[in-house]
């Protein structure tokens, strides 16, 4: 039993990283941001605000959640903030099929024509 409990401790420390990342992905707006960054490259927060049609404060909130989960990277240039996808983390946590369906891996668009963004 002791060996099993030791394995559980190691599992818990690894699992926590995955839980926070999956929680960050569990929102339609954040998935849209990920899609825009994958297919648009590095984007200014103002570009994301325009594309999503929501207030800048709302976009900033979602970006903070994604950044804290390690899914995106942010850089400041003067008063402007730019975001990009952390491709390494995304490919580590999502299966190839999931990446393909969401259009987040490789240079593909979502491959499943039945795929619709949740409302």
C-alpha atoms as a PDB file:
ATOM      1  CA  UNK A   1       0.000   0.000   0.000  1.00  0.00           C
ATOM      2  CA  UNK A   2       2.878   2.383   0.771  1.00  0.00           C
ATOM      3  CA  UNK A   3       4.216   2.039  -2.760  1.00  0.00           C
ATOM      4  CA  UNK A   4       0.770   2.762  -4.168  1.00  0.00           C
ATOM      5  CA  UNK A   5       0.429   5.901  -2.029  1.00  0.00           C
ATOM      6  CA  UNK A   6       3.835   7.098  -3.230  1.00  0.00           C
ATOM      7  CA  UNK A   7       2.714   6.619  -6.834  1.00  0.00           C
ATOM      8  CA  UNK A   8      -0.486   8.533  -6.038  1.00  0.00           C
ATOM      9  CA  UNK A   9       1.568  11.505  -4.750  1.00  0.00           C
ATOM     10  CA  UNK A  10       3.599  11.622  -7.967  1.00  0.00           C
ATOM     11  CA  UNK A  11       0.415  11.299 -10.006  1.00  0.00           C
ATOM     12  CA  UNK A  12      -1.303  14.136  -8.123  1.00  0.00           C
ATOM     13  CA  UNK A  13       1.515  16.601  -8.802  1.00  0.00           C
ATOM     14  CA  UNK A  14       1.407  15.817 -12.531  1.00  0.00           C
ATOM     15  CA  UNK A  15      -2.377  15.659 -12.698  1.00  0.00           C
ATOM     16  CA  UNK A  16      -2.743  19.152 -11.232  1.00  0.00           C
ATOM     17  CA  UNK A  17      -1.031  20.666 -14.292  1.00  0.00           C
ATOM     18  CA  UNK A  18      -3.397  18.827 -16.602  1.00  0.00           C
ATOM     19  CA  UNK A  19      -6.474  19.754 -14.594  1.00  0.00           C
ATOM     20  CA  UNK A  20      -5.660  23.476 -14.761  1.00  0.00           C
ATOM     21  CA  UNK A  21      -5.018  23.265 -18.493  1.00  0.00           C
ATOM     22  CA  UNK A  22      -8.215  21.369 -19.216  1.00  0.00           C
ATOM     23  CA  UNK A  23     -10.195  23.810 -17.074  1.00  0.00           C
ATOM     24  CA  UNK A  24      -8.740  26.658 -19.123  1.00  0.00           C
ATOM     25  CA  UNK A  25      -9.868  24.952 -22.327  1.00  0.00           C
ATOM     26  CA  UNK A  26     -13.383  24.326 -20.988  1.00  0.00           C
ATOM     27  CA  UNK A  27     -14.777  27.600 -22.310  1.00  0.00           C
ATOM     28  CA  UNK A  28     -15.972  28.397 -25.855  1.00  0.00           C
ATOM     29  CA  UNK A  29     -14.407  31.886 -25.860  1.00  0.00           C
ATOM     30  CA  UNK A  30     -11.016  30.547 -24.792  1.00  0.00           C
ATOM     31  CA  UNK A  31     -11.182  27.861 -27.479  1.00  0.00           C
ATOM     32  CA  UNK A  32     -11.921  30.570 -30.031  1.00  0.00           C
ATOM     33  CA  UNK A  33      -8.913  32.554 -28.805  1.00  0.00           C
ATOM     34  CA  UNK A  34      -6.746  29.446 -29.178  1.00  0.00           C
ATOM     35  CA  UNK A  35      -8.072  28.935 -32.709  1.00  0.00           C
ATOM     36  CA  UNK A  36      -7.403  32.565 -33.661  1.00  0.00           C
ATOM     37  CA  UNK A  37      -3.857  32.409 -32.297  1.00  0.00           C
ATOM     38  CA  UNK A  38      -3.161  29.124 -34.077  1.00  0.00           C
ATOM     39  CA  UNK A  39      -4.356  30.369 -37.442  1.00  0.00           C
ATOM     40  CA  UNK A  40      -3.508  34.062 -37.075  1.00  0.00           C
ATOM     41  CA  UNK A  41      -0.126  33.730 -35.393  1.00  0.00           C
ATOM     42  CA  UNK A  42       0.864  36.316 -32.827  1.00  0.00           C
ATOM     43  CA  UNK A  43      -2.030  38.732 -32.377  1.00  0.00           C
ATOM     44  CA  UNK A  44      -2.545  41.964 -30.532  1.00  0.00           C
ATOM     45  CA  UNK A  45      -5.182  41.954 -27.783  1.00  0.00           C
ATOM     46  CA  UNK A  46      -7.047  44.595 -29.796  1.00  0.00           C
ATOM     47  CA  UNK A  47      -7.247  42.175 -32.761  1.00  0.00           C
ATOM     48  CA  UNK A  48      -8.700  39.477 -30.517  1.00  0.00           C
ATOM     49  CA  UNK A  49     -11.196  41.949 -29.056  1.00  0.00           C
ATOM     50  CA  UNK A  50     -12.392  42.869 -32.542  1.00  0.00           C
ATOM     51  CA  UNK A  51     -12.559  39.265 -33.769  1.00  0.00           C
ATOM     52  CA  UNK A  52     -14.483  38.030 -30.724  1.00  0.00           C
ATOM     53  CA  UNK A  53     -16.811  41.012 -30.432  1.00  0.00           C
ATOM     54  CA  UNK A  54     -16.462  41.254 -26.661  1.00  0.00           C
ATOM     55  CA  UNK A  55     -15.052  43.935 -24.372  1.00  0.00           C
ATOM     56  CA  UNK A  56     -11.290  44.213 -23.957  1.00  0.00           C
ATOM     57  CA  UNK A  57     -11.634  43.435 -20.246  1.00  0.00           C
ATOM     58  CA  UNK A  58     -13.359  40.146 -21.100  1.00  0.00           C
ATOM     59  CA  UNK A  59     -10.640  39.213 -23.564  1.00  0.00           C
ATOM     60  CA  UNK A  60      -7.966  40.078 -21.001  1.00  0.00           C
ATOM     61  CA  UNK A  61      -9.645  37.837 -18.433  1.00  0.00           C
ATOM     62  CA  UNK A  62      -9.682  34.872 -20.815  1.00  0.00           C
ATOM     63  CA  UNK A  63      -6.078  35.528 -21.859  1.00  0.00           C
ATOM     64  CA  UNK A  64      -4.977  35.535 -18.229  1.00  0.00           C
ATOM     65  CA  UNK A  65      -6.627  32.138 -17.651  1.00  0.00           C
ATOM     66  CA  UNK A  66      -4.924  30.714 -20.754  1.00  0.00           C
ATOM     67  CA  UNK A  67      -1.565  32.210 -19.821  1.00  0.00           C
ATOM     68  CA  UNK A  68      -1.717  30.897 -16.244  1.00  0.00           C
ATOM     69  CA  UNK A  69      -2.398  27.428 -17.685  1.00  0.00           C
ATOM     70  CA  UNK A  70       0.670  27.768 -19.917  1.00  0.00           C
ATOM     71  CA  UNK A  71      -1.374  27.530 -23.127  1.00  0.00           C
ATOM     72  CA  UNK A  72      -0.419  30.936 -24.502  1.00  0.00           C
ATOM     73  CA  UNK A  73       2.495  33.320 -24.210  1.00  0.00           C
ATOM     74  CA  UNK A  74       2.157  37.076 -23.862  1.00  0.00           C
ATOM     75  CA  UNK A  75       4.633  39.825 -24.572  1.00  0.00           C
ATOM     76  CA  UNK A  76       4.414  43.556 -24.052  1.00  0.00           C
ATOM     77  CA  UNK A  77       5.646  46.093 -26.579  1.00  0.00           C
ATOM     78  CA  UNK A  78       5.120  49.579 -25.226  1.00  0.00           C
ATOM     79  CA  UNK A  79       1.429  49.891 -24.428  1.00  0.00           C
ATOM     80  CA  UNK A  80       0.521  46.968 -26.713  1.00  0.00           C
ATOM     81  CA  UNK A  81       0.129  43.349 -25.637  1.00  0.00           C
ATOM     82  CA  UNK A  82       0.681  40.494 -28.068  1.00  0.00           C
ATOM     83  CA  UNK A  83      -0.286  36.857 -27.592  1.00  0.00           C
ATOM     84  CA  UNK A  84       0.779  33.638 -29.242  1.00  0.00           C
ATOM     85  CA  UNK A  85      -0.049  29.989 -28.825  1.00  0.00           C
ATOM     86  CA  UNK A  86       2.321  27.833 -26.772  1.00  0.00           C
ATOM     87  CA  UNK A  87       2.436  25.076 -29.395  1.00  0.00           C
ATOM     88  CA  UNK A  88       4.547  22.767 -27.233  1.00  0.00           C
ATOM     89  CA  UNK A  89       2.061  22.711 -24.360  1.00  0.00           C
ATOM     90  CA  UNK A  90      -0.952  22.370 -26.661  1.00  0.00           C
ATOM     91  CA  UNK A  91       0.518  19.391 -28.502  1.00  0.00           C
ATOM     92  CA  UNK A  92       1.534  17.780 -25.187  1.00  0.00           C
ATOM     93  CA  UNK A  93      -1.948  17.819 -23.676  1.00  0.00           C
ATOM     94  CA  UNK A  94      -4.246  17.276 -26.647  1.00  0.00           C
ATOM     95  CA  UNK A  95      -4.473  14.089 -28.675  1.00  0.00           C
ATOM     96  CA  UNK A  96      -3.898  14.372 -32.434  1.00  0.00           C
ATOM     97  CA  UNK A  97      -7.603  13.782 -33.075  1.00  0.00           C
ATOM     98  CA  UNK A  98      -8.684  16.467 -30.611  1.00  0.00           C
ATOM     99  CA  UNK A  99      -6.144  18.892 -32.073  1.00  0.00           C
ATOM    100  CA  UNK A 100      -7.445  18.181 -35.569  1.00  0.00           C
ATOM    101  CA  UNK A 101     -11.099  18.555 -34.632  1.00  0.00           C
ATOM    102  CA  UNK A 102     -10.393  21.924 -33.011  1.00  0.00           C
ATOM    103  CA  UNK A 103      -7.927  23.001 -35.711  1.00  0.00           C
ATOM    104  CA  UNK A 104      -5.217  23.636 -33.101  1.00  0.00           C
ATOM    105  CA  UNK A 105      -2.443  21.339 -34.358  1.00  0.00           C
ATOM    106  CA  UNK A 106      -0.575  21.500 -37.636  1.00  0.00           C
ATOM    107  CA  UNK A 107      -1.849  23.707 -40.410  1.00  0.00           C
ATOM    108  CA  UNK A 108      -5.302  22.205 -40.550  1.00  0.00           C
ATOM    109  CA  UNK A 109      -8.728  23.693 -40.245  1.00  0.00           C
ATOM    110  CA  UNK A 110     -11.223  21.761 -38.122  1.00  0.00           C
ATOM    111  CA  UNK A 111     -11.629  18.559 -40.116  1.00  0.00           C
ATOM    112  CA  UNK A 112     -15.029  17.441 -38.921  1.00  0.00           C
ATOM    113  CA  UNK A 113     -17.754  19.310 -40.842  1.00  0.00           C
ATOM    114  CA  UNK A 114     -20.192  18.574 -37.995  1.00  0.00           C
ATOM    115  CA  UNK A 115     -18.005  20.498 -35.539  1.00  0.00           C
ATOM    116  CA  UNK A 116     -19.756  23.614 -34.243  1.00  0.00           C
ATOM    117  CA  UNK A 117     -18.609  26.009 -31.563  1.00  0.00           C
ATOM    118  CA  UNK A 118     -20.779  25.693 -28.454  1.00  0.00           C
ATOM    119  CA  UNK A 119     -23.016  28.639 -27.765  1.00  0.00           C
END
